[in-house]
Amino acid sequence: RLIVPDDADTPLHEAHVPTTVYTPTATAQPSDARDMEER
């Protein structure tokens, strides 16, 4: 207990944070969608 602090047992949790900018792309990079469309 002295070597490993109590907060080391605190688990990592997930936070869902959707991106706020709408871009019609597969990777949220406008250039990637346009590249795919051009191809």
PDB file of all heavy atoms in Angstrom:
ATOM      1  N   ARG A   1       0.839  -1.211   0.000  1.00  0.00           N
ATOM      2  CA  ARG A   1       0.000   0.000   0.000  1.00  0.00           C
ATOM      3  C   ARG A   1       0.867   1.253   0.000  1.00  0.00           C
ATOM      4  O   ARG A   1       0.486   2.267  -0.552  1.00  0.00           O
ATOM      5  CB  ARG A   1      -0.930   0.025   1.210  1.00  0.00           C
ATOM      6  CG  ARG A   1      -2.111  -0.841   1.066  1.00  0.00           C
ATOM      7  CD  ARG A   1      -3.034  -0.246   0.055  1.00  0.00           C
ATOM      8  NE  ARG A   1      -4.216  -1.048  -0.059  1.00  0.00           N
ATOM      9  CZ  ARG A   1      -5.105  -0.909  -0.981  1.00  0.00           C
ATOM     10  NH1 ARG A   1      -4.960   0.043  -1.870  1.00  0.00           N
ATOM     11  NH2 ARG A   1      -6.137  -1.665  -1.044  1.00  0.00           N
ATOM     12  N   LEU A   2       2.021   1.190   0.624  1.00  0.00           N
ATOM     13  CA  LEU A   2       2.905   2.354   0.635  1.00  0.00           C
ATOM     14  C   LEU A   2       3.548   2.568  -0.732  1.00  0.00           C
ATOM     15  O   LEU A   2       3.759   3.698  -1.161  1.00  0.00           O
ATOM     16  CB  LEU A   2       3.992   2.184   1.699  1.00  0.00           C
ATOM     17  CG  LEU A   2       3.526   2.205   3.156  1.00  0.00           C
ATOM     18  CD1 LEU A   2       4.695   1.895   4.080  1.00  0.00           C
ATOM     19  CD2 LEU A   2       2.929   3.557   3.497  1.00  0.00           C
ATOM     20  N   ILE A   3       3.861   1.475  -1.413  1.00  0.00           N
ATOM     21  CA  ILE A   3       4.523   1.571  -2.713  1.00  0.00           C
ATOM     22  C   ILE A   3       3.532   1.952  -3.804  1.00  0.00           C
ATOM     23  O   ILE A   3       3.797   2.802  -4.635  1.00  0.00           O
ATOM     24  CB  ILE A   3       5.227   0.245  -3.057  1.00  0.00           C
ATOM     25  CG1 ILE A   3       6.376   0.007  -2.081  1.00  0.00           C
ATOM     26  CG2 ILE A   3       5.729   0.246  -4.485  1.00  0.00           C
ATOM     27  CD1 ILE A   3       6.995  -1.365  -2.209  1.00  0.00           C
ATOM     28  N   VAL A   4       2.355   1.313  -3.839  1.00  0.00           N
ATOM     29  CA  VAL A   4       1.345   1.575  -4.859  1.00  0.00           C
ATOM     30  C   VAL A   4       0.241   2.405  -4.232  1.00  0.00           C
ATOM     31  O   VAL A   4      -0.446   1.939  -3.337  1.00  0.00           O
ATOM     32  CB  VAL A   4       0.765   0.242  -5.409  1.00  0.00           C
ATOM     33  CG1 VAL A   4      -0.297   0.514  -6.446  1.00  0.00           C
ATOM     34  CG2 VAL A   4       1.869  -0.629  -5.957  1.00  0.00           C
ATOM     35  N   PRO A   5       0.019   3.650  -4.688  1.00  0.00           N
ATOM     36  CA  PRO A   5      -1.013   4.499  -4.097  1.00  0.00           C
ATOM     37  C   PRO A   5      -2.412   3.958  -4.391  1.00  0.00           C
ATOM     38  O   PRO A   5      -2.620   3.210  -5.341  1.00  0.00           O
ATOM     39  CB  PRO A   5      -0.796   5.857  -4.763  1.00  0.00           C
ATOM     40  CG  PRO A   5      -0.011   5.573  -5.994  1.00  0.00           C
ATOM     41  CD  PRO A   5       0.754   4.326  -5.733  1.00  0.00           C
ATOM     42  N   ASP A   6      -3.388   4.382  -3.570  1.00  0.00           N
ATOM     43  CA  ASP A   6      -4.757   3.918  -3.693  1.00  0.00           C
ATOM     44  C   ASP A   6      -5.367   4.257  -5.041  1.00  0.00           C
ATOM     45  O   ASP A   6      -6.151   3.499  -5.583  1.00  0.00           O
ATOM     46  CB  ASP A   6      -5.640   4.526  -2.595  1.00  0.00           C
ATOM     47  CG  ASP A   6      -5.351   3.892  -1.241  1.00  0.00           C
ATOM     48  OD1 ASP A   6      -4.813   2.765  -1.226  1.00  0.00           O
ATOM     49  OD2 ASP A   6      -5.662   4.516  -0.215  1.00  0.00           O
ATOM     50  N   ASP A   7      -5.027   5.422  -5.600  1.00  0.00           N
ATOM     51  CA  ASP A   7      -5.655   5.823  -6.845  1.00  0.00           C
ATOM     52  C   ASP A   7      -5.165   5.020  -8.040  1.00  0.00           C
ATOM     53  O   ASP A   7      -5.699   5.136  -9.128  1.00  0.00           O
ATOM     54  CB  ASP A   7      -5.492   7.316  -7.104  1.00  0.00           C
ATOM     55  CG  ASP A   7      -4.037   7.735  -7.259  1.00  0.00           C
ATOM     56  OD1 ASP A   7      -3.141   6.955  -6.897  1.00  0.00           O
ATOM     57  OD2 ASP A   7      -3.815   8.861  -7.740  1.00  0.00           O
ATOM     58  N   ALA A   8      -4.164   4.160  -7.862  1.00  0.00           N
ATOM     59  CA  ALA A   8      -3.708   3.304  -8.957  1.00  0.00           C
ATOM     60  C   ALA A   8      -4.755   2.253  -9.274  1.00  0.00           C
ATOM     61  O   ALA A   8      -4.797   1.716 -10.366  1.00  0.00           O
ATOM     62  CB  ALA A   8      -2.389   2.628  -8.599  1.00  0.00           C
ATOM     63  N   ASP A   9      -5.629   1.944  -8.307  1.00  0.00           N
ATOM     64  CA  ASP A   9      -6.691   0.977  -8.522  1.00  0.00           C
ATOM     65  C   ASP A   9      -7.875   1.580  -9.254  1.00  0.00           C
ATOM     66  O   ASP A   9      -8.801   0.872  -9.620  1.00  0.00           O
ATOM     67  CB  ASP A   9      -7.166   0.403  -7.176  1.00  0.00           C
ATOM     68  CG  ASP A   9      -6.069  -0.394  -6.487  1.00  0.00           C
ATOM     69  OD1 ASP A   9      -5.175  -0.909  -7.177  1.00  0.00           O
ATOM     70  OD2 ASP A   9      -6.135  -0.499  -5.259  1.00  0.00           O
ATOM     71  N   THR A  10      -7.900   2.884  -9.448  1.00  0.00           N
ATOM     72  CA  THR A  10      -9.020   3.545 -10.100  1.00  0.00           C
ATOM     73  C   THR A  10      -9.049   3.122 -11.561  1.00  0.00           C
ATOM     74  O   THR A  10      -8.074   3.287 -12.266  1.00  0.00           O
ATOM     75  CB  THR A  10      -8.882   5.078 -10.008  1.00  0.00           C
ATOM     76  OG1 THR A  10      -8.753   5.437  -8.640  1.00  0.00           O
ATOM     77  CG2 THR A  10     -10.091   5.764 -10.609  1.00  0.00           C
ATOM     78  N   PRO A  11     -10.180   2.564 -12.008  1.00  0.00           N
ATOM     79  CA  PRO A  11     -10.236   2.080 -13.384  1.00  0.00           C
ATOM     80  C   PRO A  11     -10.368   3.221 -14.380  1.00  0.00           C
ATOM     81  O   PRO A  11     -10.855   4.296 -14.054  1.00  0.00           O
ATOM     82  CB  PRO A  11     -11.501   1.217 -13.394  1.00  0.00           C
ATOM     83  CG  PRO A  11     -12.357   1.805 -12.330  1.00  0.00           C
ATOM     84  CD  PRO A  11     -11.405   2.324 -11.275  1.00  0.00           C
ATOM     85  N   LEU A  12      -9.918   2.950 -15.602  1.00  0.00           N
ATOM     86  CA  LEU A  12     -10.135   3.885 -16.691  1.00  0.00           C
ATOM     87  C   LEU A  12     -11.539   3.647 -17.228  1.00  0.00           C
ATOM     88  O   LEU A  12     -11.959   2.517 -17.420  1.00  0.00           O
ATOM     89  CB  LEU A  12      -9.124   3.660 -17.812  1.00  0.00           C
ATOM     90  CG  LEU A  12      -7.685   3.999 -17.490  1.00  0.00           C
ATOM     91  CD1 LEU A  12      -6.816   3.678 -18.701  1.00  0.00           C
ATOM     92  CD2 LEU A  12      -7.547   5.458 -17.134  1.00  0.00           C
ATOM     93  N   HIS A  13     -12.280   4.708 -17.438  1.00  0.00           N
ATOM     94  CA  HIS A  13     -13.625   4.610 -17.984  1.00  0.00           C
ATOM     95  C   HIS A  13     -13.653   5.238 -19.355  1.00  0.00           C
ATOM     96  O   HIS A  13     -12.780   6.006 -19.721  1.00  0.00           O
ATOM     97  CB  HIS A  13     -14.636   5.313 -17.074  1.00  0.00           C
ATOM     98  CG  HIS A  13     -14.741   4.669 -15.725  1.00  0.00           C
ATOM     99  ND1 HIS A  13     -15.449   3.515 -15.521  1.00  0.00           N
ATOM    100  CD2 HIS A  13     -14.201   4.996 -14.536  1.00  0.00           C
ATOM    101  CE1 HIS A  13     -15.351   3.175 -14.244  1.00  0.00           C
ATOM    102  NE2 HIS A  13     -14.597   4.053 -13.637  1.00  0.00           N
ATOM    103  N   GLU A  14     -14.689   4.930 -20.117  1.00  0.00           N
ATOM    104  CA  GLU A  14     -14.832   5.488 -21.440  1.00  0.00           C
ATOM    105  C   GLU A  14     -15.751   6.691 -21.386  1.00  0.00           C
ATOM    106  O   GLU A  14     -16.738   6.693 -20.681  1.00  0.00           O
ATOM    107  CB  GLU A  14     -15.449   4.458 -22.395  1.00  0.00           C
ATOM    108  CG  GLU A  14     -14.587   3.263 -22.617  1.00  0.00           C
ATOM    109  CD  GLU A  14     -15.219   2.269 -23.575  1.00  0.00           C
ATOM    110  OE1 GLU A  14     -16.355   2.500 -24.026  1.00  0.00           O
ATOM    111  OE2 GLU A  14     -14.570   1.267 -23.861  1.00  0.00           O
ATOM    112  N   ALA A  15     -15.407   7.706 -22.119  1.00  0.00           N
ATOM    113  CA  ALA A  15     -16.283   8.860 -22.278  1.00  0.00           C
ATOM    114  C   ALA A  15     -16.550   9.007 -23.762  1.00  0.00           C
ATOM    115  O   ALA A  15     -15.636   9.121 -24.554  1.00  0.00           O
ATOM    116  CB  ALA A  15     -15.627  10.118 -21.726  1.00  0.00           C
ATOM    117  N   HIS A  16     -17.827   8.964 -24.138  1.00  0.00           N
ATOM    118  CA  HIS A  16     -18.190   9.103 -25.540  1.00  0.00           C
ATOM    119  C   HIS A  16     -18.273  10.581 -25.854  1.00  0.00           C
ATOM    120  O   HIS A  16     -19.091  11.295 -25.300  1.00  0.00           O
ATOM    121  CB  HIS A  16     -19.522   8.421 -25.831  1.00  0.00           C
ATOM    122  CG  HIS A  16     -19.467   6.945 -25.585  1.00  0.00           C
ATOM    123  ND1 HIS A  16     -18.954   6.074 -26.503  1.00  0.00           N
ATOM    124  CD2 HIS A  16     -19.823   6.199 -24.520  1.00  0.00           C
ATOM    125  CE1 HIS A  16     -19.016   4.851 -26.041  1.00  0.00           C
ATOM    126  NE2 HIS A  16     -19.530   4.899 -24.833  1.00  0.00           N
ATOM    127  N   VAL A  17     -17.408  11.033 -26.735  1.00  0.00           N
ATOM    128  CA  VAL A  17     -17.375  12.441 -27.117  1.00  0.00           C
ATOM    129  C   VAL A  17     -17.510  12.505 -28.630  1.00  0.00           C
ATOM    130  O   VAL A  17     -16.536  12.329 -29.352  1.00  0.00           O
ATOM    131  CB  VAL A  17     -16.050  13.114 -26.678  1.00  0.00           C
ATOM    132  CG1 VAL A  17     -16.067  14.583 -27.040  1.00  0.00           C
ATOM    133  CG2 VAL A  17     -15.823  12.927 -25.191  1.00  0.00           C
ATOM    134  N   PRO A  18     -18.752  12.724 -29.123  1.00  0.00           N
ATOM    135  CA  PRO A  18     -18.890  12.802 -30.562  1.00  0.00           C
ATOM    136  C   PRO A  18     -18.253  14.081 -31.085  1.00  0.00           C
ATOM    137  O   PRO A  18     -18.264  15.099 -30.410  1.00  0.00           O
ATOM    138  CB  PRO A  18     -20.399  12.815 -30.790  1.00  0.00           C
ATOM    139  CG  PRO A  18     -21.006  13.165 -29.496  1.00  0.00           C
ATOM    140  CD  PRO A  18     -20.008  12.843 -28.422  1.00  0.00           C
ATOM    141  N   THR A  19     -17.694  14.002 -32.281  1.00  0.00           N
ATOM    142  CA  THR A  19     -17.131  15.205 -32.866  1.00  0.00           C
ATOM    143  C   THR A  19     -18.273  16.157 -33.178  1.00  0.00           C
ATOM    144  O   THR A  19     -19.385  15.741 -33.489  1.00  0.00           O
ATOM    145  CB  THR A  19     -16.354  14.879 -34.151  1.00  0.00           C
ATOM    146  OG1 THR A  19     -17.238  14.202 -35.043  1.00  0.00           O
ATOM    147  CG2 THR A  19     -15.143  14.027 -33.872  1.00  0.00           C
ATOM    148  N   THR A  20     -18.019  17.451 -33.087  1.00  0.00           N
ATOM    149  CA  THR A  20     -19.088  18.423 -33.223  1.00  0.00           C
ATOM    150  C   THR A  20     -19.201  19.012 -34.616  1.00  0.00           C
ATOM    151  O   THR A  20     -20.183  19.631 -34.936  1.00  0.00           O
ATOM    152  CB  THR A  20     -18.872  19.581 -32.228  1.00  0.00           C
ATOM    153  OG1 THR A  20     -17.581  20.131 -32.446  1.00  0.00           O
ATOM    154  CG2 THR A  20     -18.992  19.090 -30.812  1.00  0.00           C
ATOM    155  N   VAL A  21     -18.206  18.822 -35.445  1.00  0.00           N
ATOM    156  CA  VAL A  21     -18.235  19.387 -36.774  1.00  0.00           C
ATOM    157  C   VAL A  21     -18.690  18.320 -37.751  1.00  0.00           C
ATOM    158  O   VAL A  21     -18.094  17.257 -37.832  1.00  0.00           O
ATOM    159  CB  VAL A  21     -16.839  19.923 -37.182  1.00  0.00           C
ATOM    160  CG1 VAL A  21     -16.866  20.492 -38.584  1.00  0.00           C
ATOM    161  CG2 VAL A  21     -16.375  20.961 -36.186  1.00  0.00           C
ATOM    162  N   TYR A  22     -19.761  18.586 -38.490  1.00  0.00           N
ATOM    163  CA  TYR A  22     -20.244  17.618 -39.461  1.00  0.00           C
ATOM    164  C   TYR A  22     -19.401  17.698 -40.728  1.00  0.00           C
ATOM    165  O   TYR A  22     -19.266  18.735 -41.342  1.00  0.00           O
ATOM    166  CB  TYR A  22     -21.702  17.867 -39.820  1.00  0.00           C
ATOM    167  CG  TYR A  22     -22.149  16.977 -40.955  1.00  0.00           C
ATOM    168  CD1 TYR A  22     -22.378  15.629 -40.747  1.00  0.00           C
ATOM    169  CD2 TYR A  22     -22.290  17.478 -42.228  1.00  0.00           C
ATOM    170  CE1 TYR A  22     -22.754  14.813 -41.779  1.00  0.00           C
ATOM    171  CE2 TYR A  22     -22.666  16.660 -43.279  1.00  0.00           C
ATOM    172  CZ  TYR A  22     -22.895  15.328 -43.045  1.00  0.00           C
ATOM    173  OH  TYR A  22     -23.258  14.508 -44.068  1.00  0.00           O
ATOM    174  N   THR A  23     -18.823  16.598 -41.059  1.00  0.00           N
ATOM    175  CA  THR A  23     -18.134  16.470 -42.338  1.00  0.00           C
ATOM    176  C   THR A  23     -18.499  15.112 -42.889  1.00  0.00           C
ATOM    177  O   THR A  23     -18.352  14.102 -42.200  1.00  0.00           O
ATOM    178  CB  THR A  23     -16.599  16.569 -42.186  1.00  0.00           C
ATOM    179  OG1 THR A  23     -16.179  15.645 -41.202  1.00  0.00           O
ATOM    180  CG2 THR A  23     -16.169  17.967 -41.798  1.00  0.00           C
ATOM    181  N   PRO A  24     -19.010  15.033 -44.087  1.00  0.00           N
ATOM    182  CA  PRO A  24     -19.447  13.743 -44.634  1.00  0.00           C
ATOM    183  C   PRO A  24     -18.260  12.910 -45.087  1.00  0.00           C
ATOM    184  O   PRO A  24     -18.012  12.758 -46.263  1.00  0.00           O
ATOM    185  CB  PRO A  24     -20.323  14.161 -45.817  1.00  0.00           C
ATOM    186  CG  PRO A  24     -19.739  15.463 -46.248  1.00  0.00           C
ATOM    187  CD  PRO A  24     -19.252  16.134 -44.994  1.00  0.00           C
ATOM    188  N   THR A  25     -17.504  12.406 -44.120  1.00  0.00           N
ATOM    189  CA  THR A  25     -16.314  11.642 -44.464  1.00  0.00           C
ATOM    190  C   THR A  25     -16.233  10.391 -43.620  1.00  0.00           C
ATOM    191  O   THR A  25     -16.897  10.273 -42.599  1.00  0.00           O
ATOM    192  CB  THR A  25     -15.039  12.473 -44.209  1.00  0.00           C
ATOM    193  OG1 THR A  25     -14.917  12.678 -42.806  1.00  0.00           O
ATOM    194  CG2 THR A  25     -15.088  13.798 -44.920  1.00  0.00           C
ATOM    195  N   ALA A  26     -15.388   9.493 -44.041  1.00  0.00           N
ATOM    196  CA  ALA A  26     -15.206   8.249 -43.300  1.00  0.00           C
ATOM    197  C   ALA A  26     -14.269   8.432 -42.119  1.00  0.00           C
ATOM    198  O   ALA A  26     -14.248   7.621 -41.228  1.00  0.00           O
ATOM    199  CB  ALA A  26     -14.660   7.169 -44.226  1.00  0.00           C
ATOM    200  N   THR A  27     -13.477   9.499 -42.096  1.00  0.00           N
ATOM    201  CA  THR A  27     -12.506   9.666 -41.022  1.00  0.00           C
ATOM    202  C   THR A  27     -12.518  11.062 -40.426  1.00  0.00           C
ATOM    203  O   THR A  27     -11.564  11.463 -39.801  1.00  0.00           O
ATOM    204  CB  THR A  27     -11.076   9.373 -41.533  1.00  0.00           C
ATOM    205  OG1 THR A  27     -10.795  10.287 -42.603  1.00  0.00           O
ATOM    206  CG2 THR A  27     -10.941   7.947 -42.014  1.00  0.00           C
ATOM    207  N   ALA A  28     -13.569  11.808 -40.596  1.00  0.00           N
ATOM    208  CA  ALA A  28     -13.715  13.168 -40.089  1.00  0.00           C
ATOM    209  C   ALA A  28     -12.688  14.124 -40.685  1.00  0.00           C
ATOM    210  O   ALA A  28     -12.406  15.140 -40.122  1.00  0.00           O
ATOM    211  CB  ALA A  28     -13.657  13.207 -38.563  1.00  0.00           C
ATOM    212  N   GLN A  29     -12.122  13.770 -41.798  1.00  0.00           N
ATOM    213  CA  GLN A  29     -11.176  14.625 -42.516  1.00  0.00           C
ATOM    214  C   GLN A  29     -11.812  14.951 -43.856  1.00  0.00           C
ATOM    215  O   GLN A  29     -11.957  14.071 -44.695  1.00  0.00           O
ATOM    216  CB  GLN A  29      -9.835  13.903 -42.743  1.00  0.00           C
ATOM    217  CG  GLN A  29      -9.168  13.419 -41.495  1.00  0.00           C
ATOM    218  CD  GLN A  29      -8.502  14.541 -40.743  1.00  0.00           C
ATOM    219  OE1 GLN A  29      -8.106  15.529 -41.330  1.00  0.00           O
ATOM    220  NE2 GLN A  29      -8.399  14.402 -39.449  1.00  0.00           N
ATOM    221  N   PRO A  30     -12.228  16.190 -44.090  1.00  0.00           N
ATOM    222  CA  PRO A  30     -12.901  16.520 -45.344  1.00  0.00           C
ATOM    223  C   PRO A  30     -12.104  16.106 -46.579  1.00  0.00           C
ATOM    224  O   PRO A  30     -12.667  15.686 -47.573  1.00  0.00           O
ATOM    225  CB  PRO A  30     -13.055  18.036 -45.281  1.00  0.00           C
ATOM    226  CG  PRO A  30     -12.991  18.372 -43.839  1.00  0.00           C
ATOM    227  CD  PRO A  30     -12.111  17.328 -43.217  1.00  0.00           C
ATOM    228  N   SER A  31     -10.812  16.203 -46.518  1.00  0.00           N
ATOM    229  CA  SER A  31      -9.996  15.864 -47.681  1.00  0.00           C
ATOM    230  C   SER A  31     -10.074  14.375 -47.995  1.00  0.00           C
ATOM    231  O   SER A  31      -9.997  13.981 -49.165  1.00  0.00           O
ATOM    232  CB  SER A  31      -8.553  16.287 -47.451  1.00  0.00           C
ATOM    233  OG  SER A  31      -8.013  15.593 -46.360  1.00  0.00           O
ATOM    234  N   ASP A  32     -10.244  13.504 -46.999  1.00  0.00           N
ATOM    235  CA  ASP A  32     -10.322  12.069 -47.241  1.00  0.00           C
ATOM    236  C   ASP A  32     -11.575  11.699 -48.031  1.00  0.00           C
ATOM    237  O   ASP A  32     -11.511  10.890 -48.952  1.00  0.00           O
ATOM    238  CB  ASP A  32     -10.294  11.284 -45.928  1.00  0.00           C
ATOM    239  CG  ASP A  32      -8.943  11.345 -45.246  1.00  0.00           C
ATOM    240  OD1 ASP A  32      -7.957  11.733 -45.903  1.00  0.00           O
ATOM    241  OD2 ASP A  32      -8.878  11.006 -44.053  1.00  0.00           O
ATOM    242  N   ALA A  33     -12.722  12.281 -47.678  1.00  0.00           N
ATOM    243  CA  ALA A  33     -13.961  11.997 -48.405  1.00  0.00           C
ATOM    244  C   ALA A  33     -13.856  12.509 -49.829  1.00  0.00           C
ATOM    245  O   ALA A  33     -14.241  11.819 -50.772  1.00  0.00           O
ATOM    246  CB  ALA A  33     -15.151  12.630 -47.703  1.00  0.00           C
ATOM    247  N   ARG A  34     -13.337  13.697 -49.984  1.00  0.00           N
ATOM    248  CA  ARG A  34     -13.203  14.254 -51.336  1.00  0.00           C
ATOM    249  C   ARG A  34     -12.221  13.421 -52.163  1.00  0.00           C
ATOM    250  O   ARG A  34     -12.458  13.182 -53.342  1.00  0.00           O
ATOM    251  CB  ARG A  34     -12.751  15.719 -51.262  1.00  0.00           C
ATOM    252  CG  ARG A  34     -12.757  16.404 -52.585  1.00  0.00           C
ATOM    253  CD  ARG A  34     -14.184  16.451 -53.186  1.00  0.00           C
ATOM    254  NE  ARG A  34     -14.085  16.574 -54.624  1.00  0.00           N
ATOM    255  CZ  ARG A  34     -14.854  15.961 -55.509  1.00  0.00           C
ATOM    256  NH1 ARG A  34     -15.836  15.193 -55.103  1.00  0.00           N
ATOM    257  NH2 ARG A  34     -14.678  16.116 -56.780  1.00  0.00           N
ATOM    258  N   ASP A  35     -11.130  12.959 -51.538  1.00  0.00           N
ATOM    259  CA  ASP A  35     -10.187  12.086 -52.246  1.00  0.00           C
ATOM    260  C   ASP A  35     -10.878  10.812 -52.714  1.00  0.00           C
ATOM    261  O   ASP A  35     -10.664  10.351 -53.838  1.00  0.00           O
ATOM    262  CB  ASP A  35      -9.001  11.725 -51.351  1.00  0.00           C
ATOM    263  CG  ASP A  35      -8.058  12.892 -51.099  1.00  0.00           C
ATOM    264  OD1 ASP A  35      -8.152  13.908 -51.814  1.00  0.00           O
ATOM    265  OD2 ASP A  35      -7.233  12.775 -50.165  1.00  0.00           O
ATOM    266  N   MET A  36     -11.704  10.243 -51.842  1.00  0.00           N
ATOM    267  CA  MET A  36     -12.421   9.020 -52.193  1.00  0.00           C
ATOM    268  C   MET A  36     -13.387   9.293 -53.347  1.00  0.00           C
ATOM    269  O   MET A  36     -13.485   8.499 -54.292  1.00  0.00           O
ATOM    270  CB  MET A  36     -13.178   8.502 -50.966  1.00  0.00           C
ATOM    271  CG  MET A  36     -13.822   7.180 -51.136  1.00  0.00           C
ATOM    272  SD  MET A  36     -14.532   6.672 -49.556  1.00  0.00           S
ATOM    273  CE  MET A  36     -15.137   5.063 -49.991  1.00  0.00           C
ATOM    274  N   GLU A  37     -14.100  10.422 -53.287  1.00  0.00           N
ATOM    275  CA  GLU A  37     -15.024  10.777 -54.366  1.00  0.00           C
ATOM    276  C   GLU A  37     -14.274  10.992 -55.685  1.00  0.00           C
ATOM    277  O   GLU A  37     -14.726  10.533 -56.742  1.00  0.00           O
ATOM    278  CB  GLU A  37     -15.813  12.031 -53.987  1.00  0.00           C
ATOM    279  CG  GLU A  37     -16.823  11.791 -52.888  1.00  0.00           C
ATOM    280  CD  GLU A  37     -17.453  13.053 -52.330  1.00  0.00           C
ATOM    281  OE1 GLU A  37     -16.937  14.162 -52.596  1.00  0.00           O
ATOM    282  OE2 GLU A  37     -18.466  12.934 -51.611  1.00  0.00           O
ATOM    283  N   GLU A  38     -13.130  11.650 -55.631  1.00  0.00           N
ATOM    284  CA  GLU A  38     -12.346  11.893 -56.846  1.00  0.00           C
ATOM    285  C   GLU A  38     -11.844  10.589 -57.455  1.00  0.00           C
ATOM    286  O   GLU A  38     -11.829  10.427 -58.675  1.00  0.00           O
ATOM    287  CB  GLU A  38     -11.176  12.834 -56.551  1.00  0.00           C
ATOM    288  CG  GLU A  38     -11.606  14.267 -56.329  1.00  0.00           C
ATOM    289  CD  GLU A  38     -10.470  15.175 -55.871  1.00  0.00           C
ATOM    290  OE1 GLU A  38      -9.333  14.682 -55.635  1.00  0.00           O
ATOM    291  OE2 GLU A  38     -10.725  16.382 -55.731  1.00  0.00           O
ATOM    292  N   ARG A  39     -11.426   9.663 -56.611  1.00  0.00           N
ATOM    293  CA  ARG A  39     -10.975   8.362 -57.120  1.00  0.00           C
ATOM    294  C   ARG A  39     -12.120   7.613 -57.790  1.00  0.00           C
ATOM    295  O   ARG A  39     -11.948   6.986 -58.838  1.00  0.00           O
ATOM    296  CB  ARG A  39     -10.381   7.527 -55.986  1.00  0.00           C
ATOM    297  CG  ARG A  39      -9.031   8.065 -55.514  1.00  0.00           C
ATOM    298  CD  ARG A  39      -8.455   7.278 -54.353  1.00  0.00           C
ATOM    299  NE  ARG A  39      -8.272   5.881 -54.712  1.00  0.00           N
ATOM    300  CZ  ARG A  39      -8.252   4.896 -53.831  1.00  0.00           C
ATOM    301  NH1 ARG A  39      -8.396   5.146 -52.551  1.00  0.00           N
ATOM    302  NH2 ARG A  39      -8.076   3.657 -54.228  1.00  0.00           N
TER     303      ARG A  39
END
